[in-house]
PDB file of N, CA and C in Angstrom:
ATOM      1  N   MET A   1      19.858   6.839   4.672  1.00  0.00           N
ATOM      2  CA  MET A   1      19.620   5.449   4.315  1.00  0.00           C
ATOM      3  C   MET A   1      18.453   5.381   3.330  1.00  0.00           C
ATOM      4  N   SER A   2      18.628   4.672   2.265  1.00  0.00           N
ATOM      5  CA  SER A   2      17.582   4.590   1.255  1.00  0.00           C
ATOM      6  C   SER A   2      16.621   3.449   1.556  1.00  0.00           C
ATOM      7  N   PHE A   3      15.458   3.556   0.969  1.00  0.00           N
ATOM      8  CA  PHE A   3      14.411   2.553   1.154  1.00  0.00           C
ATOM      9  C   PHE A   3      14.781   1.282   0.388  1.00  0.00           C
ATOM     10  N   ASP A   4      14.563   0.133   1.000  1.00  0.00           N
ATOM     11  CA  ASP A   4      14.884  -1.156   0.373  1.00  0.00           C
ATOM     12  C   ASP A   4      13.662  -1.667  -0.382  1.00  0.00           C
ATOM     13  N   ARG A   5      13.699  -1.511  -1.701  1.00  0.00           N
ATOM     14  CA  ARG A   5      12.567  -1.910  -2.540  1.00  0.00           C
ATOM     15  C   ARG A   5      12.452  -3.420  -2.706  1.00  0.00           C
ATOM     16  N   SER A   6      13.411  -4.176  -2.210  1.00  0.00           N
ATOM     17  CA  SER A   6      13.316  -5.635  -2.307  1.00  0.00           C
ATOM     18  C   SER A   6      12.443  -6.222  -1.196  1.00  0.00           C
ATOM     19  N   LYS A   7      12.036  -5.398  -0.245  1.00  0.00           N
ATOM     20  CA  LYS A   7      11.179  -5.863   0.859  1.00  0.00           C
ATOM     21  C   LYS A   7       9.760  -6.117   0.347  1.00  0.00           C
ATOM     22  N   THR A   8       9.119  -7.107   0.946  1.00  0.00           N
ATOM     23  CA  THR A   8       7.752  -7.478   0.564  1.00  0.00           C
ATOM     24  C   THR A   8       6.782  -7.063   1.667  1.00  0.00           C
ATOM     25  N   PRO A   9       5.839  -6.179   1.341  1.00  0.00           N
ATOM     26  CA  PRO A   9       4.870  -5.758   2.354  1.00  0.00           C
ATOM     27  C   PRO A   9       3.728  -6.767   2.500  1.00  0.00           C
ATOM     28  N   THR A  10       3.284  -6.911   3.728  1.00  0.00           N
ATOM     29  CA  THR A  10       2.079  -7.693   4.036  1.00  0.00           C
ATOM     30  C   THR A  10       1.255  -6.888   5.036  1.00  0.00           C
ATOM     31  N   TRP A  11      -0.050  -7.051   4.952  1.00  0.00           N
ATOM     32  CA  TRP A  11      -0.901  -6.395   5.950  1.00  0.00           C
ATOM     33  C   TRP A  11      -0.666  -7.073   7.294  1.00  0.00           C
ATOM     34  N   ARG A  12      -0.622  -6.309   8.335  1.00  0.00           N
ATOM     35  CA  ARG A  12      -0.449  -6.869   9.675  1.00  0.00           C
ATOM     36  C   ARG A  12      -1.623  -7.776  10.017  1.00  0.00           C
ATOM     37  N   THR A  13      -1.370  -8.739  10.872  1.00  0.00           N
ATOM     38  CA  THR A  13      -2.422  -9.627  11.353  1.00  0.00           C
ATOM     39  C   THR A  13      -3.544  -8.784  11.964  1.00  0.00           C
ATOM     40  N   GLY A  14      -4.761  -9.080  11.575  1.00  0.00           N
ATOM     41  CA  GLY A  14      -5.917  -8.347  12.080  1.00  0.00           C
ATOM     42  C   GLY A  14      -6.328  -7.180  11.199  1.00  0.00           C
ATOM     43  N   TYR A  15      -5.533  -6.877  10.177  1.00  0.00           N
ATOM     44  CA  TYR A  15      -5.845  -5.786   9.249  1.00  0.00           C
ATOM     45  C   TYR A  15      -6.345  -6.376   7.937  1.00  0.00           C
ATOM     46  N   ARG A  16      -7.394  -5.761   7.393  1.00  0.00           N
ATOM     47  CA  ARG A  16      -7.953  -6.268   6.139  1.00  0.00           C
ATOM     48  C   ARG A  16      -8.256  -5.101   5.204  1.00  0.00           C
ATOM     49  N   PHE A  17      -7.746  -5.206   3.990  1.00  0.00           N
ATOM     50  CA  PHE A  17      -7.971  -4.221   2.938  1.00  0.00           C
ATOM     51  C   PHE A  17      -9.164  -4.687   2.128  1.00  0.00           C
ATOM     52  N   GLN A  18     -10.140  -3.805   1.907  1.00  0.00           N
ATOM     53  CA  GLN A  18     -11.306  -4.200   1.115  1.00  0.00           C
ATOM     54  C   GLN A  18     -12.051  -2.975   0.616  1.00  0.00           C
ATOM     55  N   TYR A  19     -12.913  -3.210  -0.385  1.00  0.00           N
ATOM     56  CA  TYR A  19     -13.802  -2.162  -0.866  1.00  0.00           C
ATOM     57  C   TYR A  19     -15.019  -2.138   0.042  1.00  0.00           C
ATOM     58  N   GLU A  20     -15.404  -0.969   0.479  1.00  0.00           N
ATOM     59  CA  GLU A  20     -16.551  -0.820   1.369  1.00  0.00           C
ATOM     60  C   GLU A  20     -17.601   0.048   0.674  1.00  0.00           C
ATOM     61  N   PRO A  21     -18.690  -0.571   0.190  1.00  0.00           N
ATOM     62  CA  PRO A  21     -19.707   0.197  -0.539  1.00  0.00           C
ATOM     63  C   PRO A  21     -20.261   1.385   0.251  1.00  0.00           C
ATOM     64  N   ALA A  22     -20.447   1.213   1.548  1.00  0.00           N
ATOM     65  CA  ALA A  22     -20.997   2.313   2.350  1.00  0.00           C
ATOM     66  C   ALA A  22     -20.058   3.519   2.361  1.00  0.00           C
ATOM     67  N   GLN A  23     -18.762   3.279   2.231  1.00  0.00           N
ATOM     68  CA  GLN A  23     -17.775   4.359   2.197  1.00  0.00           C
ATOM     69  C   GLN A  23     -17.484   4.823   0.768  1.00  0.00           C
ATOM     70  N   LYS A  24     -18.003   4.084  -0.193  1.00  0.00           N
ATOM     71  CA  LYS A  24     -17.750   4.351  -1.615  1.00  0.00           C
ATOM     72  C   LYS A  24     -16.249   4.412  -1.911  1.00  0.00           C
ATOM     73  N   GLY A  25     -15.530   3.472  -1.301  1.00  0.00           N
ATOM     74  CA  GLY A  25     -14.090   3.429  -1.519  1.00  0.00           C
ATOM     75  C   GLY A  25     -13.443   2.293  -0.755  1.00  0.00           C
ATOM     76  N   HIS A  26     -12.136   2.199  -0.918  1.00  0.00           N
ATOM     77  CA  HIS A  26     -11.384   1.159  -0.229  1.00  0.00           C
ATOM     78  C   HIS A  26     -11.042   1.602   1.188  1.00  0.00           C
ATOM     79  N   VAL A  27     -11.055   0.641   2.080  1.00  0.00           N
ATOM     80  CA  VAL A  27     -10.763   0.903   3.484  1.00  0.00           C
ATOM     81  C   VAL A  27      -9.794  -0.148   4.004  1.00  0.00           C
ATOM     82  N   LEU A  28      -9.214   0.191   5.127  1.00  0.00           N
ATOM     83  CA  LEU A  28      -8.401  -0.757   5.865  1.00  0.00           C
ATOM     84  C   LEU A  28      -9.108  -0.981   7.188  1.00  0.00           C
ATOM     85  N   LEU A  29      -9.596  -2.197   7.374  1.00  0.00           N
ATOM     86  CA  LEU A  29     -10.290  -2.546   8.610  1.00  0.00           C
ATOM     87  C   LEU A  29      -9.298  -3.150   9.586  1.00  0.00           C
ATOM     88  N   TYR A  30      -9.468  -2.809  10.858  1.00  0.00           N
ATOM     89  CA  TYR A  30      -8.628  -3.372  11.911  1.00  0.00           C
ATOM     90  C   TYR A  30      -9.462  -3.425  13.179  1.00  0.00           C
ATOM     91  N   PRO A  31      -9.014  -4.159  14.204  1.00  0.00           N
ATOM     92  CA  PRO A  31      -9.872  -4.375  15.368  1.00  0.00           C
ATOM     93  C   PRO A  31     -10.410  -3.101  16.024  1.00  0.00           C
ATOM     94  N   GLU A  32      -9.641  -2.020  16.015  1.00  0.00           N
ATOM     95  CA  GLU A  32     -10.075  -0.794  16.680  1.00  0.00           C
ATOM     96  C   GLU A  32     -10.874   0.138  15.794  1.00  0.00           C
ATOM     97  N   GLY A  33     -10.985  -0.178  14.492  1.00  0.00           N
ATOM     98  CA  GLY A  33     -11.717   0.731  13.635  1.00  0.00           C
ATOM     99  C   GLY A  33     -11.492   0.521  12.155  1.00  0.00           C
ATOM    100  N   MET A  34     -11.494   1.655  11.430  1.00  0.00           N
ATOM    101  CA  MET A  34     -11.404   1.609   9.978  1.00  0.00           C
ATOM    102  C   MET A  34     -10.722   2.888   9.493  1.00  0.00           C
ATOM    103  N   ILE A  35      -9.950   2.740   8.419  1.00  0.00           N
ATOM    104  CA  ILE A  35      -9.309   3.875   7.777  1.00  0.00           C
ATOM    105  C   ILE A  35      -9.787   3.898   6.336  1.00  0.00           C
ATOM    106  N   LYS A  36     -10.354   5.029   5.910  1.00  0.00           N
ATOM    107  CA  LYS A  36     -10.732   5.173   4.502  1.00  0.00           C
ATOM    108  C   LYS A  36      -9.502   5.639   3.742  1.00  0.00           C
ATOM    109  N   LEU A  37      -9.169   4.927   2.684  1.00  0.00           N
ATOM    110  CA  LEU A  37      -7.981   5.228   1.898  1.00  0.00           C
ATOM    111  C   LEU A  37      -8.332   6.100   0.696  1.00  0.00           C
ATOM    112  N   ASN A  38      -7.427   6.996   0.348  1.00  0.00           N
ATOM    113  CA  ASN A  38      -7.642   7.774  -0.868  1.00  0.00           C
ATOM    114  C   ASN A  38      -7.365   6.877  -2.072  1.00  0.00           C
ATOM    115  N   ASP A  39      -7.625   7.382  -3.261  1.00  0.00           N
ATOM    116  CA  ASP A  39      -7.499   6.559  -4.470  1.00  0.00           C
ATOM    117  C   ASP A  39      -6.079   6.042  -4.677  1.00  0.00           C
ATOM    118  N   SER A  40      -5.082   6.882  -4.441  1.00  0.00           N
ATOM    119  CA  SER A  40      -3.693   6.456  -4.624  1.00  0.00           C
ATOM    120  C   SER A  40      -3.329   5.343  -3.649  1.00  0.00           C
ATOM    121  N   ALA A  41      -3.692   5.524  -2.384  1.00  0.00           N
ATOM    122  CA  ALA A  41      -3.395   4.503  -1.376  1.00  0.00           C
ATOM    123  C   ALA A  41      -4.137   3.206  -1.691  1.00  0.00           C
ATOM    124  N   ALA A  42      -5.350   3.320  -2.224  1.00  0.00           N
ATOM    125  CA  ALA A  42      -6.121   2.128  -2.581  1.00  0.00           C
ATOM    126  C   ALA A  42      -5.458   1.352  -3.716  1.00  0.00           C
ATOM    127  N   LEU A  43      -4.898   2.071  -4.692  1.00  0.00           N
ATOM    128  CA  LEU A  43      -4.197   1.389  -5.789  1.00  0.00           C
ATOM    129  C   LEU A  43      -2.980   0.625  -5.260  1.00  0.00           C
ATOM    130  N   ILE A  44      -2.235   1.252  -4.375  1.00  0.00           N
ATOM    131  CA  ILE A  44      -1.073   0.587  -3.780  1.00  0.00           C
ATOM    132  C   ILE A  44      -1.539  -0.573  -2.906  1.00  0.00           C
ATOM    133  N   GLY A  45      -2.521  -0.317  -2.056  1.00  0.00           N
ATOM    134  CA  GLY A  45      -3.025  -1.346  -1.142  1.00  0.00           C
ATOM    135  C   GLY A  45      -3.539  -2.572  -1.861  1.00  0.00           C
ATOM    136  N   GLY A  46      -4.134  -2.365  -3.020  1.00  0.00           N
ATOM    137  CA  GLY A  46      -4.652  -3.487  -3.792  1.00  0.00           C
ATOM    138  C   GLY A  46      -3.566  -4.415  -4.305  1.00  0.00           C
ATOM    139  N   LEU A  47      -2.326  -3.946  -4.313  1.00  0.00           N
ATOM    140  CA  LEU A  47      -1.218  -4.767  -4.782  1.00  0.00           C
ATOM    141  C   LEU A  47      -0.419  -5.397  -3.638  1.00  0.00           C
ATOM    142  N   ILE A  48      -0.764  -5.060  -2.409  1.00  0.00           N
ATOM    143  CA  ILE A  48      -0.088  -5.673  -1.258  1.00  0.00           C
ATOM    144  C   ILE A  48      -0.718  -7.036  -1.028  1.00  0.00           C
ATOM    145  N   ASP A  49       0.017  -8.075  -1.423  1.00  0.00           N
ATOM    146  CA  ASP A  49      -0.517  -9.434  -1.341  1.00  0.00           C
ATOM    147  C   ASP A  49       0.448 -10.416  -0.679  1.00  0.00           C
ATOM    148  N   GLY A  50       1.558  -9.912  -0.166  1.00  0.00           N
ATOM    149  CA  GLY A  50       2.544 -10.792   0.459  1.00  0.00           C
ATOM    150  C   GLY A  50       3.415 -11.523  -0.542  1.00  0.00           C
ATOM    151  N   GLN A  51       3.179 -11.308  -1.830  1.00  0.00           N
ATOM    152  CA  GLN A  51       3.964 -11.941  -2.888  1.00  0.00           C
ATOM    153  C   GLN A  51       4.846 -10.919  -3.605  1.00  0.00           C
ATOM    154  N   ARG A  52       4.285  -9.758  -3.899  1.00  0.00           N
ATOM    155  CA  ARG A  52       5.016  -8.720  -4.627  1.00  0.00           C
ATOM    156  C   ARG A  52       5.893  -7.927  -3.661  1.00  0.00           C
ATOM    157  N   ASN A  53       7.130  -7.674  -4.071  1.00  0.00           N
ATOM    158  CA  ASN A  53       7.940  -6.765  -3.271  1.00  0.00           C
ATOM    159  C   ASN A  53       7.635  -5.331  -3.712  1.00  0.00           C
ATOM    160  N   VAL A  54       8.233  -4.370  -3.021  1.00  0.00           N
ATOM    161  CA  VAL A  54       7.949  -2.969  -3.324  1.00  0.00           C
ATOM    162  C   VAL A  54       8.348  -2.633  -4.758  1.00  0.00           C
ATOM    163  N   ALA A  55       9.470  -3.154  -5.229  1.00  0.00           N
ATOM    164  CA  ALA A  55       9.900  -2.896  -6.611  1.00  0.00           C
ATOM    165  C   ALA A  55       8.858  -3.381  -7.618  1.00  0.00           C
ATOM    166  N   ALA A  56       8.246  -4.536  -7.369  1.00  0.00           N
ATOM    167  CA  ALA A  56       7.226  -5.065  -8.274  1.00  0.00           C
ATOM    168  C   ALA A  56       5.968  -4.199  -8.244  1.00  0.00           C
ATOM    169  N   ILE A  57       5.615  -3.697  -7.071  1.00  0.00           N
ATOM    170  CA  ILE A  57       4.451  -2.804  -6.966  1.00  0.00           C
ATOM    171  C   ILE A  57       4.720  -1.522  -7.746  1.00  0.00           C
ATOM    172  N   ILE A  58       5.923  -0.987  -7.605  1.00  0.00           N
ATOM    173  CA  ILE A  58       6.297   0.221  -8.337  1.00  0.00           C
ATOM    174  C   ILE A  58       6.250  -0.042  -9.843  1.00  0.00           C
ATOM    175  N   ALA A  59       6.784  -1.177 -10.272  1.00  0.00           N
ATOM    176  CA  ALA A  59       6.794  -1.504 -11.703  1.00  0.00           C
ATOM    177  C   ALA A  59       5.377  -1.641 -12.246  1.00  0.00           C
ATOM    178  N   GLU A  60       4.506  -2.305 -11.502  1.00  0.00           N
ATOM    179  CA  GLU A  60       3.135  -2.507 -11.972  1.00  0.00           C
ATOM    180  C   GLU A  60       2.385  -1.185 -12.081  1.00  0.00           C
ATOM    181  N   LEU A  61       2.502  -0.349 -11.059  1.00  0.00           N
ATOM    182  CA  LEU A  61       1.816   0.945 -11.121  1.00  0.00           C
ATOM    183  C   LEU A  61       2.494   1.881 -12.122  1.00  0.00           C
ATOM    184  N   GLY A  62       3.802   1.735 -12.287  1.00  0.00           N
ATOM    185  CA  GLY A  62       4.520   2.534 -13.283  1.00  0.00           C
ATOM    186  C   GLY A  62       4.050   2.229 -14.692  1.00  0.00           C
ATOM    187  N   ALA A  63       3.702   0.973 -14.955  1.00  0.00           N
ATOM    188  CA  ALA A  63       3.179   0.587 -16.264  1.00  0.00           C
ATOM    189  C   ALA A  63       1.786   1.197 -16.490  1.00  0.00           C
ATOM    190  N   GLN A  64       0.996   1.316 -15.414  1.00  0.00           N
ATOM    191  CA  GLN A  64      -0.352   1.895 -15.523  1.00  0.00           C
ATOM    192  C   GLN A  64      -0.311   3.421 -15.621  1.00  0.00           C
ATOM    193  N   PHE A  65       0.713   4.024 -14.990  1.00  0.00           N
ATOM    194  CA  PHE A  65       0.817   5.485 -14.926  1.00  0.00           C
ATOM    195  C   PHE A  65       2.220   5.931 -15.344  1.00  0.00           C
ATOM    196  N   PRO A  66       2.555   5.769 -16.621  1.00  0.00           N
ATOM    197  CA  PRO A  66       3.923   6.059 -17.067  1.00  0.00           C
ATOM    198  C   PRO A  66       4.296   7.543 -17.025  1.00  0.00           C
ATOM    199  N   ASP A  67       3.328   8.419 -16.921  1.00  0.00           N
ATOM    200  CA  ASP A  67       3.616   9.854 -16.931  1.00  0.00           C
ATOM    201  C   ASP A  67       3.769  10.456 -15.534  1.00  0.00           C
ATOM    202  N   VAL A  68       3.925   9.617 -14.527  1.00  0.00           N
ATOM    203  CA  VAL A  68       4.101  10.100 -13.157  1.00  0.00           C
ATOM    204  C   VAL A  68       5.561   9.846 -12.753  1.00  0.00           C
ATOM    205  N   PRO A  69       6.416  10.866 -12.880  1.00  0.00           N
ATOM    206  CA  PRO A  69       7.850  10.655 -12.674  1.00  0.00           C
ATOM    207  C   PRO A  69       8.244  10.301 -11.237  1.00  0.00           C
ATOM    208  N   GLU A  70       7.516  10.766 -10.257  1.00  0.00           N
ATOM    209  CA  GLU A  70       7.879  10.522  -8.851  1.00  0.00           C
ATOM    210  C   GLU A  70       7.113   9.343  -8.249  1.00  0.00           C
ATOM    211  N   LEU A  71       6.559   8.495  -9.082  1.00  0.00           N
ATOM    212  CA  LEU A  71       5.721   7.397  -8.612  1.00  0.00           C
ATOM    213  C   LEU A  71       6.445   6.505  -7.591  1.00  0.00           C
ATOM    214  N   GLY A  72       7.674   6.121  -7.899  1.00  0.00           N
ATOM    215  CA  GLY A  72       8.418   5.255  -6.985  1.00  0.00           C
ATOM    216  C   GLY A  72       8.616   5.892  -5.619  1.00  0.00           C
ATOM    217  N   ASP A  73       8.933   7.174  -5.602  1.00  0.00           N
ATOM    218  CA  ASP A  73       9.113   7.892  -4.335  1.00  0.00           C
ATOM    219  C   ASP A  73       7.797   7.957  -3.559  1.00  0.00           C
ATOM    220  N   ASP A  74       6.693   8.188  -4.282  1.00  0.00           N
ATOM    221  CA  ASP A  74       5.382   8.259  -3.632  1.00  0.00           C
ATOM    222  C   ASP A  74       5.011   6.918  -3.005  1.00  0.00           C
ATOM    223  N   ILE A  75       5.301   5.833  -3.690  1.00  0.00           N
ATOM    224  CA  ILE A  75       4.992   4.501  -3.156  1.00  0.00           C
ATOM    225  C   ILE A  75       5.879   4.201  -1.950  1.00  0.00           C
ATOM    226  N   GLU A  76       7.146   4.562  -2.029  1.00  0.00           N
ATOM    227  CA  GLU A  76       8.030   4.393  -0.871  1.00  0.00           C
ATOM    228  C   GLU A  76       7.484   5.165   0.331  1.00  0.00           C
ATOM    229  N   GLN A  77       7.028   6.379   0.082  1.00  0.00           N
ATOM    230  CA  GLN A  77       6.485   7.203   1.163  1.00  0.00           C
ATOM    231  C   GLN A  77       5.252   6.531   1.775  1.00  0.00           C
ATOM    232  N   PHE A  78       4.373   5.995   0.928  1.00  0.00           N
ATOM    233  CA  PHE A  78       3.209   5.282   1.451  1.00  0.00           C
ATOM    234  C   PHE A  78       3.660   4.118   2.336  1.00  0.00           C
ATOM    235  N   MET A  79       4.643   3.351   1.865  1.00  0.00           N
ATOM    236  CA  MET A  79       5.126   2.194   2.629  1.00  0.00           C
ATOM    237  C   MET A  79       5.691   2.626   3.985  1.00  0.00           C
ATOM    238  N   GLU A  80       6.418   3.729   3.996  1.00  0.00           N
ATOM    239  CA  GLU A  80       6.982   4.229   5.257  1.00  0.00           C
ATOM    240  C   GLU A  80       5.883   4.653   6.228  1.00  0.00           C
ATOM    241  N   VAL A  81       4.880   5.355   5.720  1.00  0.00           N
ATOM    242  CA  VAL A  81       3.763   5.771   6.574  1.00  0.00           C
ATOM    243  C   VAL A  81       2.995   4.550   7.070  1.00  0.00           C
ATOM    244  N   ALA A  82       2.705   3.622   6.163  1.00  0.00           N
ATOM    245  CA  ALA A  82       1.959   2.418   6.548  1.00  0.00           C
ATOM    246  C   ALA A  82       2.719   1.606   7.593  1.00  0.00           C
ATOM    247  N   ARG A  83       4.036   1.528   7.451  1.00  0.00           N
ATOM    248  CA  ARG A  83       4.841   0.806   8.449  1.00  0.00           C
ATOM    249  C   ARG A  83       4.837   1.556   9.772  1.00  0.00           C
ATOM    250  N   ALA A  84       4.995   2.874   9.732  1.00  0.00           N
ATOM    251  CA  ALA A  84       4.996   3.680  10.951  1.00  0.00           C
ATOM    252  C   ALA A  84       3.655   3.606  11.686  1.00  0.00           C
ATOM    253  N   GLN A  85       2.563   3.479  10.914  1.00  0.00           N
ATOM    254  CA  GLN A  85       1.221   3.374  11.497  1.00  0.00           C
ATOM    255  C   GLN A  85       0.882   1.929  11.895  1.00  0.00           C
ATOM    256  N   HIS A  86       1.809   1.019  11.636  1.00  0.00           N
ATOM    257  CA  HIS A  86       1.644  -0.408  11.957  1.00  0.00           C
ATOM    258  C   HIS A  86       0.549  -1.086  11.149  1.00  0.00           C
ATOM    259  N   TRP A  87       0.304  -0.578   9.911  1.00  0.00           N
ATOM    260  CA  TRP A  87      -0.659  -1.228   9.016  1.00  0.00           C
ATOM    261  C   TRP A  87      -0.021  -2.413   8.319  1.00  0.00           C
ATOM    262  N   ILE A  88       1.268  -2.290   7.984  1.00  0.00           N
ATOM    263  CA  ILE A  88       1.965  -3.321   7.234  1.00  0.00           C
ATOM    264  C   ILE A  88       3.237  -3.739   7.950  1.00  0.00           C
ATOM    265  N   GLU A  89       3.741  -4.871   7.504  1.00  0.00           N
ATOM    266  CA  GLU A  89       5.075  -5.329   7.886  1.00  0.00           C
ATOM    267  C   GLU A  89       5.858  -5.497   6.609  1.00  0.00           C
ATOM    268  N   LEU A  90       7.130  -5.153   6.624  1.00  0.00           N
ATOM    269  CA  LEU A  90       7.997  -5.317   5.464  1.00  0.00           C
ATOM    270  C   LEU A  90       9.038  -6.381   5.778  1.00  0.00           C
ATOM    271  N   ALA A  91       9.070  -7.425   4.973  1.00  0.00           N
ATOM    272  CA  ALA A  91      10.024  -8.520   5.211  1.00  0.00           C
ATOM    273  C   ALA A  91      10.870  -8.755   3.979  1.00  0.00           C
TER     274      ALA A  91
END
């Protein structure tokens, strides 16, 4: 079964994506703690706004990084991990 890029990701209730100066990077805050995101995850996370679907996120990052051929697959993989970890919901 292939990934449905028409789905729109949103951060789960209680989760907040933000830049954390003390961590010198972007993090995902949630009631039980914090996850420091790597640069790639931070770029994707910054586009999760409940308005853009996965295809739009792929298109936007594809325009910024046109020389990355597997970009769409990498973003799908992030979405699958984030959903499995209960960071996001896809609707």
